[in-house]
Amino acid sequence: MSTGEAFSAARAVLDKAVSDDLTPGAAAIVARGADVLAEIYTGTLGLEGDADMPVGPHTIYDLSSLTKPLATAASIMTLVAEGVIDLDAQVIDFFRSFSQTGPGHDKARVTVRHLLGHSSGLPAWLPFHEAVAEIQKVREATGAVAPPLFGTEQGKRAVYRLADAAQLQAQPGTRALYSDVGYIVLGRIVELVTKHPLHEYARTRIFQPLRLRETSFVPLVPSRDPDAAASLTVSKHVDGVIDPDVTAPCGHSIGRGTPVRGFVHDDNAYAMGGVAGHAGLFATVRDVHGLTAEFVGAEKDNGRVLRGEVVRACFDTSNRPPGATWLLGWDTPSVAGSTAGTKISASAVGHLGFTGTSVWIDRERGVHVVLLTNRVHRDTAREKFNELRVQFHDAVFAEV
């Protein structure tokens, strides 16, 4: 299903992706600022019991790494605008334990700007979920009386300690290395300075003022059912924004031994209780459009929750390491092989999510594109899906 007759080539690309089993379904919006030019819905949610449930405006997707710009970076931006955080503040100004690692690179020099722009030197990814699970097993084996770790607030604190101990792969500011670990640290900074969990701060400071009623993290809580097969369950949400029945499933977790639906796909975020700076946000395509339109408007001083000078600073290309594509919270198209396609403007900004999501803002044309899928629900080669991304964006921008 789609609205209007425009962008038929883009619709055809997504229809073919569904028929080729690259994803069970897809939702997309093409917009100019707040004005929607086209909405595209195709396929189904994809779970066996819901094979006939079509994707629509209220289908909720796990946004995966879109959490970084749309929740974590946005939260940092509000705090910068209010003078609570300085972009060039060092992380050790917030917690001294961050620099207490072995010899080598100077971790004490890492700043908020470095974390936002993926130039901190922190590793791309570390299996924190495995470490948390192992700590829990050791505790259980020794008979120690302790609260559960995996998927709880205690698990999040354990991950924070592990992030403190992470060794840098490069000196801060010298090269770009996309880092989930860096955004886990940013989420911790938000929680420390606001004295609120990341999901609560983002909800009250960003999502609610923008009237985004289908956007939320999905915190986990211990199950109250002693006979439940799992020890965790999805918590209740303000306004009931996350309904598992309309949430696109994300396959099966081998590590957790359960189907992934209605709670975060990312294992590290799950170990942290479902809320993390790098992943955990869920939303519909219309709400992602609303968040994206806020960035677009704010850059021109028309934002409702974001300040223009802060967004412009985040889109500034002058302070990144040589050869880097990353800005503060956002990416830019690669010179060659960008999943944003071959027709997007060089000044564009965007971001991808592992589950099959993306946002691209063509700042020259004044048009942005949101694409949400649950491609991880199929055993799909990532290379084939990236080819789909290119074809889709080329079809969109050819028509724009």
Protein backbone atom coordinates (compact mmCIF):
# COMPACT_ATOMS: atom_id res chain seq x y z
CA MET A 1 0.00 0.00 0.00
CA SER A 2 1.20 3.56 -0.67
CA THR A 3 -0.22 7.03 -0.85
CA GLY A 4 -0.39 8.88 -4.15
CA GLU A 5 0.99 7.94 -7.53
CA ALA A 6 4.45 9.43 -7.02
CA PHE A 7 7.60 7.42 -6.43
CA SER A 8 6.29 4.34 -8.22
CA ALA A 9 9.84 3.17 -9.00
CA ALA A 10 10.78 3.34 -5.33
CA ARG A 11 7.64 1.39 -4.42
CA ALA A 12 8.52 -1.23 -7.02
CA VAL A 13 11.99 -1.67 -5.47
CA LEU A 14 10.48 -2.40 -2.06
CA ASP A 15 7.80 -4.68 -3.49
CA LYS A 16 10.52 -6.71 -5.21
CA ALA A 17 12.56 -6.84 -2.01
CA VAL A 18 9.59 -8.47 -0.28
CA SER A 19 8.98 -10.93 -3.14
CA ASP A 20 12.70 -11.79 -3.16
CA ASP A 21 12.58 -12.49 0.61
CA LEU A 22 15.08 -9.75 1.47
CA THR A 23 12.64 -8.56 4.14
CA PRO A 24 9.10 -9.56 5.20
CA GLY A 25 7.87 -6.00 4.77
CA ALA A 26 8.87 -2.35 4.62
CA ALA A 27 7.60 1.11 5.51
CA ALA A 28 8.99 4.27 3.96
CA ILE A 29 8.31 7.99 3.92
CA VAL A 30 9.67 10.63 1.55
CA ALA A 31 9.21 14.15 2.89
CA ARG A 32 10.17 17.77 2.47
CA GLY A 33 10.41 19.09 6.00
CA ALA A 34 7.14 18.31 7.75
CA ASP A 35 5.33 17.75 4.45
CA VAL A 36 5.03 14.09 3.42
CA LEU A 37 5.49 13.54 -0.32
CA ALA A 38 4.85 9.79 -0.24
CA GLU A 39 4.21 6.92 2.18
CA ILE A 40 4.98 3.38 1.09
CA TYR A 41 3.89 0.19 2.89
CA THR A 42 4.50 -3.26 1.52
CA GLY A 43 4.62 -6.85 2.77
CA THR A 44 3.73 -8.20 6.18
CA LEU A 45 5.17 -8.33 9.67
CA GLY A 46 6.54 -11.76 8.82
CA LEU A 47 5.92 -13.84 11.92
CA GLU A 48 4.31 -17.19 11.09
CA GLY A 49 1.18 -16.44 13.08
CA ASP A 50 0.97 -12.97 11.55
CA ALA A 51 2.00 -13.79 8.00
CA ASP A 52 -1.09 -12.00 6.71
CA MET A 53 -0.77 -8.90 8.92
CA PRO A 54 0.20 -6.12 6.50
CA VAL A 55 2.74 -3.44 7.29
CA GLY A 56 1.02 -0.10 7.87
CA PRO A 57 1.38 3.32 9.51
CA HIS A 58 1.22 1.82 13.01
CA THR A 59 3.75 -0.97 12.46
CA ILE A 60 6.52 -0.53 15.02
CA TYR A 61 10.13 -1.33 14.14
CA ASP A 62 13.26 -1.89 16.19
CA LEU A 63 15.31 1.09 15.00
CA SER A 64 18.61 -0.42 16.11
CA SER A 65 21.43 2.13 15.59
CA LEU A 66 19.04 4.92 14.60
CA THR A 67 18.86 5.17 18.40
CA LYS A 68 22.22 6.95 18.22
CA PRO A 69 21.14 10.12 16.37
CA LEU A 70 17.42 10.13 17.18
CA ALA A 71 17.60 9.52 20.93
CA THR A 72 21.13 9.67 22.36
CA ALA A 73 22.66 12.43 20.23
CA ALA A 74 19.39 14.37 20.37
CA SER A 75 19.43 14.15 24.18
CA ILE A 76 23.04 15.34 24.30
CA MET A 77 22.10 18.23 21.98
CA THR A 78 19.37 19.43 24.34
CA LEU A 79 21.83 19.35 27.23
CA VAL A 80 24.45 21.25 25.22
CA ALA A 81 21.85 23.88 24.30
CA GLU A 82 20.96 24.27 27.99
CA GLY A 83 24.63 24.66 28.98
CA VAL A 84 24.61 21.47 31.04
CA ILE A 85 27.17 19.72 28.81
CA ASP A 86 30.03 21.13 26.74
CA LEU A 87 30.90 19.26 23.55
CA ASP A 88 34.59 19.48 24.46
CA ALA A 89 34.16 18.30 28.04
CA GLN A 90 36.27 15.25 28.84
CA VAL A 91 34.50 12.06 29.85
CA ILE A 92 36.56 11.90 33.03
CA ASP A 93 34.83 15.14 34.05
CA PHE A 94 31.70 12.99 34.47
CA PHE A 95 33.23 9.80 35.90
CA ARG A 96 36.89 9.35 36.83
CA SER A 97 36.75 5.58 36.40
CA PHE A 98 36.66 6.02 32.61
CA SER A 99 40.42 6.64 32.35
CA GLN A 100 41.52 3.88 34.70
CA THR A 101 42.85 1.45 32.10
CA GLY A 102 46.23 0.04 31.25
CA PRO A 103 49.09 1.78 29.44
CA GLY A 104 48.76 2.88 25.81
CA HIS A 105 46.49 5.51 24.30
CA ASP A 106 45.45 8.50 26.38
CA LYS A 107 41.87 7.67 27.31
CA ALA A 108 41.63 10.65 29.65
CA ARG A 109 41.58 12.93 26.56
CA VAL A 110 38.31 11.47 25.18
CA THR A 111 35.62 14.17 24.93
CA VAL A 112 31.87 14.24 24.33
CA ARG A 113 32.63 15.50 20.80
CA HIS A 114 34.87 12.48 20.18
CA LEU A 115 32.14 10.09 21.31
CA LEU A 116 29.44 11.74 19.17
CA GLY A 117 31.68 11.71 16.08
CA HIS A 118 33.07 8.18 16.52
CA SER A 119 36.60 9.52 16.87
CA SER A 120 37.20 8.54 20.50
CA GLY A 121 39.34 5.54 19.56
CA LEU A 122 37.04 3.19 21.49
CA PRO A 123 36.39 -0.24 19.91
CA ALA A 124 33.53 -0.68 17.47
CA TRP A 125 31.92 -3.42 19.56
CA LEU A 126 32.67 -5.69 22.49
CA PRO A 127 30.62 -8.75 23.63
CA PHE A 128 29.47 -7.19 26.88
CA HIS A 129 26.40 -9.45 26.96
CA GLU A 130 28.64 -12.52 27.14
CA ALA A 131 30.61 -11.05 30.03
CA VAL A 132 27.42 -10.17 31.93
CA ALA A 133 26.03 -13.67 31.38
CA GLU A 134 29.29 -15.20 32.57
CA ILE A 135 29.34 -13.09 35.74
CA GLN A 136 25.80 -14.22 36.48
CA LYS A 137 26.73 -17.89 35.95
CA VAL A 138 29.68 -17.60 38.31
CA ARG A 139 27.47 -16.03 40.97
CA GLU A 140 24.88 -18.76 40.61
CA ALA A 141 27.54 -21.48 40.76
CA THR A 142 28.95 -20.15 44.02
CA GLY A 143 25.50 -19.90 45.56
CA ALA A 144 25.90 -16.19 46.18
CA VAL A 145 22.70 -14.33 46.97
CA ALA A 146 22.62 -11.47 44.48
CA PRO A 147 20.06 -9.78 42.23
CA PRO A 148 19.90 -10.97 38.60
CA LEU A 149 22.25 -9.22 36.21
CA PHE A 150 21.33 -10.03 32.61
CA GLY A 151 18.69 -7.68 31.27
CA THR A 152 18.42 -5.59 34.43
CA GLU A 153 19.62 -2.29 35.87
CA GLN A 154 22.42 -4.24 37.53
CA GLY A 155 23.39 -5.62 34.14
CA LYS A 156 23.56 -2.09 32.77
CA ARG A 157 25.89 -1.05 35.56
CA ALA A 158 28.08 -4.07 34.82
CA VAL A 159 28.28 -3.01 31.17
CA TYR A 160 29.23 0.52 32.22
CA ARG A 161 32.11 -0.92 34.25
CA LEU A 162 33.21 -2.98 31.25
CA ALA A 163 33.07 0.10 29.02
CA ASP A 164 35.23 1.94 31.54
CA ALA A 165 37.83 -0.80 31.13
CA ALA A 166 37.77 -0.84 27.31
CA GLN A 167 41.13 -0.08 25.71
CA LEU A 168 41.38 2.52 22.94
CA GLN A 169 42.22 1.39 19.43
CA ALA A 170 43.60 4.82 18.47
CA GLN A 171 44.44 8.16 20.01
CA PRO A 172 41.33 10.32 20.50
CA GLY A 173 40.55 12.54 17.52
CA THR A 174 43.04 10.92 15.14
CA ARG A 175 40.74 8.62 13.15
CA ALA A 176 37.11 7.58 12.90
CA LEU A 177 36.07 4.18 14.22
CA TYR A 178 32.31 3.60 14.42
CA SER A 179 31.72 2.63 18.03
CA ASP A 180 28.73 1.20 19.86
CA VAL A 181 30.89 1.40 22.99
CA GLY A 182 31.20 5.16 22.62
CA TYR A 183 27.42 5.59 22.49
CA ILE A 184 26.96 3.36 25.52
CA VAL A 185 29.19 5.85 27.32
CA LEU A 186 27.12 8.78 25.96
CA GLY A 187 23.94 7.19 27.29
CA ARG A 188 25.59 6.94 30.68
CA ILE A 189 26.52 10.64 30.56
CA VAL A 190 22.89 11.59 29.84
CA GLU A 191 21.73 9.53 32.81
CA LEU A 192 24.36 10.96 35.11
CA VAL A 193 23.78 14.64 34.41
CA THR A 194 19.97 14.45 34.21
CA LYS A 195 19.58 11.97 37.07
CA HIS A 196 17.02 10.12 34.94
CA PRO A 197 17.24 6.92 32.88
CA LEU A 198 17.93 7.61 29.21
CA HIS A 199 14.50 6.40 28.11
CA GLU A 200 12.71 8.68 30.56
CA TYR A 201 14.74 11.75 29.63
CA ALA A 202 14.32 11.16 25.88
CA ARG A 203 10.60 10.60 26.33
CA THR A 204 9.89 13.71 28.38
CA ARG A 205 12.36 16.06 26.68
CA ILE A 206 12.03 14.96 23.03
CA PHE A 207 9.31 12.43 22.15
CA GLN A 208 6.40 13.86 24.15
CA PRO A 209 6.96 17.52 23.14
CA LEU A 210 7.01 16.36 19.49
CA ARG A 211 3.80 14.36 20.12
CA LEU A 212 5.40 11.10 19.05
CA ARG A 213 3.04 8.57 20.62
CA GLU A 214 4.53 5.47 19.01
CA THR A 215 8.18 6.01 19.91
CA SER A 216 9.79 4.42 22.95
CA PHE A 217 12.57 2.35 24.37
CA VAL A 218 11.39 -1.01 25.72
CA PRO A 219 12.74 -1.47 29.25
CA LEU A 220 12.77 -4.99 30.67
CA VAL A 221 11.61 -5.87 34.16
CA PRO A 222 11.85 -9.12 36.16
CA SER A 223 8.88 -11.35 35.44
CA ARG A 224 6.34 -11.66 38.23
CA ASP A 225 5.30 -15.08 36.97
CA PRO A 226 7.43 -17.69 38.77
CA ASP A 227 6.45 -20.29 36.17
CA ALA A 228 7.44 -18.10 33.19
CA ALA A 229 9.92 -19.65 30.80
CA ALA A 230 11.91 -16.38 30.71
CA SER A 231 13.01 -14.37 33.73
CA LEU A 232 12.34 -11.04 32.03
CA THR A 233 9.34 -9.44 30.42
CA VAL A 234 8.60 -6.20 28.64
CA SER A 235 7.59 -3.44 31.02
CA LYS A 236 4.44 -1.39 30.78
CA HIS A 237 4.81 1.87 28.86
CA VAL A 238 3.39 5.34 29.19
CA ASP A 239 0.45 5.60 26.78
CA GLY A 240 0.99 1.94 25.84
CA VAL A 241 3.12 2.98 22.87
CA ILE A 242 4.75 -0.40 22.23
CA ASP A 243 2.32 -3.15 21.31
CA PRO A 244 4.09 -6.46 20.52
CA ASP A 245 1.20 -7.45 18.26
CA VAL A 246 2.05 -4.66 15.81
CA THR A 247 5.82 -4.81 16.28
CA ALA A 248 7.85 -6.29 13.43
CA PRO A 249 9.72 -9.42 14.64
CA CYS A 250 13.49 -9.69 14.32
CA GLY A 251 14.14 -13.41 13.98
CA HIS A 252 15.44 -15.77 16.66
CA SER A 253 18.14 -15.05 19.21
CA ILE A 254 20.50 -18.00 19.52
CA GLY A 255 22.12 -16.52 22.62
CA ARG A 256 18.80 -15.92 24.39
CA GLY A 257 17.02 -18.94 22.95
CA THR A 258 13.86 -16.96 22.18
CA PRO A 259 12.16 -15.25 19.24
CA VAL A 260 12.90 -11.52 19.19
CA ARG A 261 9.72 -9.49 19.04
CA GLY A 262 8.73 -6.44 21.03
CA PHE A 263 12.09 -6.21 22.79
CA VAL A 264 15.49 -5.11 21.54
CA HIS A 265 17.36 -7.22 18.98
CA ASP A 266 20.83 -6.00 20.01
CA ASP A 267 22.33 -8.37 22.59
CA ASN A 268 24.34 -5.77 24.49
CA ALA A 269 21.32 -3.47 24.78
CA TYR A 270 19.22 -6.43 25.96
CA ALA A 271 21.82 -7.29 28.61
CA MET A 272 21.52 -3.68 29.80
CA GLY A 273 17.77 -4.00 30.30
CA GLY A 274 16.62 -2.88 26.86
CA VAL A 275 17.77 0.73 27.15
CA ALA A 276 21.18 1.82 25.87
CA GLY A 277 22.80 4.73 24.10
CA HIS A 278 23.60 2.69 21.01
CA ALA A 279 20.34 0.72 20.49
CA GLY A 280 16.90 0.06 21.95
CA LEU A 281 14.58 2.64 20.39
CA PHE A 282 11.34 1.51 18.70
CA ALA A 283 9.05 3.62 16.50
CA THR A 284 6.74 3.77 13.50
CA VAL A 285 7.83 5.27 10.20
CA ARG A 286 5.65 8.35 10.80
CA ASP A 287 7.30 9.01 14.15
CA VAL A 288 10.79 8.59 12.68
CA HIS A 289 9.75 11.10 10.03
CA GLY A 290 8.66 13.43 12.86
CA LEU A 291 12.04 13.12 14.59
CA THR A 292 13.90 13.65 11.33
CA ALA A 293 11.77 16.68 10.44
CA GLU A 294 12.74 18.16 13.81
CA PHE A 295 16.44 18.03 12.85
CA VAL A 296 15.63 19.50 9.43
CA GLY A 297 13.61 22.32 10.96
CA ALA A 298 16.08 22.99 13.76
CA GLU A 299 18.96 23.47 11.32
CA LYS A 300 16.96 26.46 10.00
CA ASP A 301 16.08 27.64 13.54
CA ASN A 302 12.57 26.20 13.34
CA GLY A 303 13.01 23.36 15.83
CA ARG A 304 10.64 22.72 18.69
CA VAL A 305 13.04 20.86 20.99
CA LEU A 306 16.41 21.20 19.25
CA ARG A 307 18.43 24.42 18.90
CA GLY A 308 19.62 25.53 15.49
CA GLU A 309 23.19 26.39 16.53
CA VAL A 310 23.68 22.97 18.13
CA VAL A 311 22.30 21.05 15.12
CA ARG A 312 24.47 23.12 12.77
CA ALA A 313 27.50 22.32 14.94
CA CYS A 314 26.66 18.62 14.68
CA PHE A 315 26.38 18.85 10.88
CA ASP A 316 29.69 20.76 10.62
CA THR A 317 32.31 18.84 8.62
CA SER A 318 35.36 20.82 9.75
CA ASN A 319 36.25 19.00 12.97
CA ARG A 320 36.41 15.38 11.84
CA PRO A 321 39.56 13.31 11.28
CA PRO A 322 40.97 13.11 7.73
CA GLY A 323 38.99 10.74 5.50
CA ALA A 324 36.17 10.33 8.03
CA THR A 325 32.51 10.37 6.99
CA TRP A 326 31.10 10.73 10.51
CA LEU A 327 29.71 13.96 11.92
CA LEU A 328 28.34 14.40 15.45
CA GLY A 329 25.57 11.83 15.74
CA TRP A 330 25.22 11.42 11.98
CA ASP A 331 27.04 9.98 8.96
CA THR A 332 27.58 11.40 5.47
CA PRO A 333 27.62 9.50 2.16
CA SER A 334 30.82 7.64 1.36
CA VAL A 335 32.62 8.80 -1.76
CA ALA A 336 32.01 5.36 -3.27
CA GLY A 337 29.61 2.58 -2.34
CA SER A 338 27.27 4.56 -0.11
CA THR A 339 24.01 2.83 0.74
CA ALA A 340 22.38 6.24 0.26
CA GLY A 341 22.79 5.64 -3.47
CA THR A 342 24.51 7.50 -6.27
CA LYS A 343 22.13 10.46 -6.61
CA ILE A 344 22.06 11.90 -3.11
CA SER A 345 23.82 15.22 -2.49
CA ALA A 346 27.32 15.21 -1.02
CA SER A 347 26.14 17.41 1.87
CA ALA A 348 23.53 14.84 2.96
CA VAL A 349 23.48 13.37 6.45
CA GLY A 350 22.03 10.07 7.54
CA HIS A 351 22.35 6.88 9.55
CA LEU A 352 21.72 3.15 9.20
CA GLY A 353 20.38 0.55 11.62
CA PHE A 354 21.46 -3.11 11.61
CA THR A 355 17.87 -4.38 11.68
CA GLY A 356 17.27 -2.83 8.24
CA THR A 357 16.45 0.80 9.03
CA SER A 358 17.80 4.09 7.73
CA VAL A 359 17.31 7.85 7.55
CA TRP A 360 18.89 10.10 4.92
CA ILE A 361 18.49 13.87 4.76
CA ASP A 362 19.40 15.49 1.44
CA ARG A 363 20.12 18.99 2.68
CA GLU A 364 20.55 20.40 -0.85
CA ARG A 365 17.15 19.23 -2.06
CA GLY A 366 15.46 19.74 1.30
CA VAL A 367 14.13 16.17 1.20
CA HIS A 368 14.55 13.33 3.66
CA VAL A 369 13.84 9.60 3.32
CA VAL A 370 12.98 7.13 6.08
CA LEU A 371 13.16 3.39 5.37
CA LEU A 372 12.18 0.84 8.04
CA THR A 373 12.36 -2.94 7.60
CA ASN A 374 12.97 -6.02 9.73
CA ARG A 375 15.41 -7.61 7.30
CA VAL A 376 17.02 -9.57 10.20
CA HIS A 377 13.84 -11.66 10.39
CA ARG A 378 15.01 -13.35 7.21
CA ASP A 379 18.37 -15.08 6.81
CA THR A 380 19.40 -12.44 4.30
CA ALA A 381 22.91 -11.66 3.12
CA ARG A 382 23.70 -8.13 4.23
CA GLU A 383 25.32 -7.35 0.87
CA LYS A 384 22.06 -8.03 -0.97
CA PHE A 385 20.16 -5.80 1.40
CA ASN A 386 22.67 -2.99 0.93
CA GLU A 387 22.10 -3.28 -2.82
CA LEU A 388 18.40 -2.79 -2.09
CA ARG A 389 19.19 0.36 -0.09
CA VAL A 390 21.09 1.81 -3.07
CA GLN A 391 18.34 0.95 -5.56
CA PHE A 392 15.63 2.41 -3.32
CA HIS A 393 17.39 5.71 -2.66
CA ASP A 394 18.40 6.08 -6.30
CA ALA A 395 14.75 5.60 -7.30
CA VAL A 396 13.62 8.21 -4.76
CA PHE A 397 16.16 10.88 -5.68
CA ALA A 398 15.74 10.29 -9.39
CA GLU A 399 12.13 11.37 -8.97
CA VAL A 400 12.85 14.25 -6.59
